[in-house]
Amino acid sequence: GPEGWKQIIHDWEHADPNRHHHYALRDWKTEWAKATKLASNYNKCKLIATEFIEEFECDEEKFKLAYPSCKKGIKQLLHEIRKSHQDRGLIKQRRGK
């Protein structure tokens, strides 16, 4: 939903034992994500969280202006962040089949 990205930021920075998150995602060891088959989800959360925290210095208004799709959901936000990274030369574009 429109606030889903905020939950990702919270989960990245804070443990939440009530939801069985005993460690903040940023403190996860790589092998934990692989062992639980959550590596893909972990990497998606990491991309959103690090973009918000490092690139936008936790400025919600600037983040929303840069990524208006955050209101549409996680999938759209991820697409927009990846596109921004491609445009800035931070990641390579995938070749089409």
Protein backbone atom coordinates (compact mmCIF):
# COMPACT_ATOMS: atom_id res chain seq x y z
CA GLY A 1 0.00 0.00 0.00
CA PRO A 2 0.92 3.68 0.02
CA GLU A 3 2.70 3.44 3.39
CA GLY A 4 4.47 0.11 2.75
CA TRP A 5 7.82 1.74 2.09
CA LYS A 6 7.73 3.32 5.55
CA GLN A 7 7.36 -0.13 7.11
CA ILE A 8 10.43 -1.24 5.17
CA ILE A 9 12.44 1.68 6.57
CA HIS A 10 11.23 0.83 10.08
CA ASP A 11 12.10 -2.86 9.64
CA TRP A 12 15.52 -1.92 8.28
CA GLU A 13 16.35 0.13 11.36
CA HIS A 14 14.45 -1.62 14.17
CA ALA A 15 13.76 -5.10 15.48
CA ASP A 16 10.10 -5.92 16.05
CA PRO A 17 9.70 -9.05 18.20
CA ASN A 18 5.90 -8.73 18.03
CA ARG A 19 6.20 -9.51 14.30
CA HIS A 20 8.95 -12.13 14.84
CA HIS A 21 11.64 -9.73 13.59
CA HIS A 22 14.23 -10.22 16.29
CA TYR A 23 16.87 -8.20 14.45
CA ALA A 24 16.75 -5.05 12.39
CA LEU A 25 17.18 -5.99 8.73
CA ARG A 26 20.36 -3.92 8.49
CA ASP A 27 21.89 -6.26 11.10
CA TRP A 28 21.09 -9.45 9.19
CA LYS A 29 23.98 -11.59 8.06
CA THR A 30 23.97 -12.43 4.37
CA GLU A 31 23.77 -16.14 5.10
CA TRP A 32 20.56 -15.63 7.12
CA ALA A 33 18.72 -14.24 4.11
CA LYS A 34 20.05 -17.04 1.91
CA ALA A 35 19.26 -19.76 4.45
CA THR A 36 15.68 -18.57 4.84
CA LYS A 37 15.27 -18.05 1.08
CA LEU A 38 14.54 -14.39 1.70
CA ALA A 39 17.56 -12.98 -0.15
CA SER A 40 15.45 -11.39 -2.89
CA ASN A 41 13.11 -9.68 -0.41
CA TYR A 42 16.06 -8.63 1.76
CA ASN A 43 17.77 -7.01 -1.24
CA LYS A 44 14.59 -5.16 -2.20
CA CYS A 45 14.26 -3.82 1.34
CA LYS A 46 17.93 -2.89 1.39
CA LEU A 47 17.60 -0.94 -1.88
CA ILE A 48 14.63 1.09 -0.62
CA ALA A 49 16.06 1.66 2.86
CA THR A 50 19.54 2.68 1.75
CA GLU A 51 18.12 4.99 -0.90
CA PHE A 52 15.96 6.75 1.70
CA ILE A 53 18.60 6.84 4.45
CA GLU A 54 21.80 7.45 2.51
CA GLU A 55 20.72 9.25 -0.64
CA PHE A 56 17.89 11.33 0.84
CA GLU A 57 19.19 11.54 4.43
CA CYS A 58 15.76 10.44 5.74
CA ASP A 59 14.04 13.45 4.17
CA GLU A 60 10.57 12.11 3.49
CA GLU A 61 9.42 15.07 1.38
CA LYS A 62 12.43 14.94 -0.96
CA PHE A 63 12.06 11.16 -1.24
CA LYS A 64 8.37 11.47 -2.16
CA LEU A 65 9.14 14.18 -4.73
CA ALA A 66 11.85 12.04 -6.32
CA TYR A 67 9.76 8.86 -6.19
CA PRO A 68 6.05 9.74 -6.40
CA SER A 69 5.32 6.08 -7.11
CA CYS A 70 5.97 5.33 -3.43
CA LYS A 71 2.24 6.03 -2.98
CA LYS A 72 1.39 3.22 -5.41
CA GLY A 73 3.26 0.45 -3.65
CA ILE A 74 6.58 -1.30 -3.26
CA LYS A 75 6.79 -2.81 -6.74
CA GLN A 76 6.38 0.57 -8.44
CA LEU A 77 8.82 2.22 -6.03
CA LEU A 78 11.47 -0.43 -6.69
CA HIS A 79 11.07 0.07 -10.43
CA GLU A 80 11.47 3.83 -10.05
CA ILE A 81 14.56 3.54 -7.83
CA ARG A 82 16.20 1.07 -10.23
CA LYS A 83 15.42 3.36 -13.17
CA SER A 84 16.96 6.29 -11.31
CA HIS A 85 20.06 4.24 -10.57
CA GLN A 86 20.33 3.25 -14.24
CA ASP A 87 19.95 6.87 -15.35
CA ARG A 88 22.72 7.89 -12.93
CA GLY A 89 24.97 5.04 -14.09
CA LEU A 90 24.92 3.31 -10.70
CA ILE A 91 23.66 0.02 -12.16
CA LYS A 92 23.73 -1.43 -15.64
CA GLN A 93 20.62 -2.02 -17.68
CA ARG A 94 19.67 -5.60 -18.32
CA ARG A 95 19.88 -6.70 -21.91
CA GLY A 96 16.62 -7.71 -23.52
CA LYS A 97 16.11 -11.26 -24.74
